Amino acid sequence: MSEGRDIIEPPQWHQRDDRREPVLDRNYNPPRVVRYVGWRPCIRCGRKFFSRDVAGVRMCLPCKDGRKVEEW
């Protein structure tokens, strides 16, 4: 079962590449997928940002923190 190996995340890549890479927990055989990382559009402003969890983090940091100024 648990062997004490670290979870290794893939490095960030260029924004024009829309792939999503799995983050694997290698303490299991076969390794288990913990989450996926990749570029995704913000659900508020639509700009692409790199997300460490494409299923859980769906807003860019400026929109999430409320620092985004509305352009009316």
Protein backbone atom coordinates (compact mmCIF):
# COMPACT_ATOMS: atom_id res chain seq x y z
CA MET A 1 0.00 0.00 0.00
CA SER A 2 1.68 3.18 1.22
CA GLU A 3 5.38 3.42 0.39
CA GLY A 4 5.94 7.07 1.33
CA ARG A 5 6.61 8.44 -2.15
CA ASP A 6 5.90 12.11 -2.86
CA ILE A 7 3.18 13.23 -5.25
CA ILE A 8 4.88 14.94 -8.18
CA GLU A 9 3.03 17.57 -10.20
CA PRO A 10 3.86 18.19 -13.86
CA PRO A 11 5.49 21.58 -14.57
CA GLN A 12 3.43 24.40 -16.10
CA TRP A 13 3.51 24.52 -19.91
CA HIS A 14 2.67 27.12 -22.58
CA GLN A 15 -0.85 28.51 -22.57
CA ARG A 16 -1.51 27.61 -26.20
CA ASP A 17 -1.34 23.91 -25.35
CA ASP A 18 -4.79 22.90 -24.02
CA ARG A 19 -3.84 19.51 -22.63
CA ARG A 20 -4.62 18.37 -19.09
CA GLU A 21 -2.08 16.26 -17.22
CA PRO A 22 -2.85 13.90 -14.35
CA VAL A 23 -1.18 14.25 -10.94
CA LEU A 24 -0.38 10.70 -9.84
CA ASP A 25 -0.04 9.20 -6.36
CA ARG A 26 2.71 6.63 -6.88
CA ASN A 27 2.14 5.07 -3.45
CA TYR A 28 -0.33 2.68 -5.09
CA ASN A 29 0.20 0.02 -7.71
CA PRO A 30 -1.01 0.98 -10.28
CA PRO A 31 -0.61 4.72 -9.51
CA ARG A 32 -3.86 6.58 -8.74
CA VAL A 33 -4.91 9.87 -10.32
CA VAL A 34 -5.27 12.52 -7.59
CA ARG A 35 -6.37 15.44 -9.82
CA TYR A 36 -5.69 17.03 -13.22
CA VAL A 37 -3.75 20.24 -13.87
CA GLY A 38 -3.90 22.46 -16.95
CA TRP A 39 -5.08 25.66 -18.58
CA ARG A 40 -8.77 26.51 -18.36
CA PRO A 41 -10.94 29.60 -18.91
CA CYS A 42 -12.10 31.54 -15.88
CA ILE A 43 -15.87 31.17 -15.39
CA ARG A 44 -16.17 34.89 -14.56
CA CYS A 45 -13.90 36.82 -16.95
CA GLY A 46 -13.12 34.14 -19.56
CA ARG A 47 -9.33 34.59 -19.49
CA LYS A 48 -7.24 31.43 -19.44
CA PHE A 49 -5.25 30.63 -16.30
CA PHE A 50 -3.21 27.65 -15.12
CA SER A 51 -5.18 25.62 -12.61
CA ARG A 52 -3.62 23.15 -10.17
CA ASP A 53 -7.03 21.41 -10.05
CA VAL A 54 -9.10 21.85 -13.22
CA ALA A 55 -12.22 20.37 -11.57
CA GLY A 56 -12.06 22.36 -8.31
CA VAL A 57 -10.45 25.70 -9.24
CA ARG A 58 -12.46 27.39 -11.96
CA MET A 59 -11.85 31.11 -11.34
CA CYS A 60 -8.61 33.02 -11.88
CA LEU A 61 -7.04 34.58 -8.80
CA PRO A 62 -8.03 38.23 -9.54
CA CYS A 63 -11.70 37.22 -9.96
CA LYS A 64 -11.65 34.95 -6.92
CA ASP A 65 -10.09 37.61 -4.68
CA GLY A 66 -12.50 40.30 -5.89
CA ARG A 67 -9.72 42.46 -7.33
CA LYS A 68 -11.19 42.31 -10.84
CA VAL A 69 -12.78 45.65 -11.78
CA GLU A 70 -15.93 45.41 -13.86
CA GLU A 71 -15.63 47.10 -17.25
CA TRP A 72 -19.10 48.43 -17.99
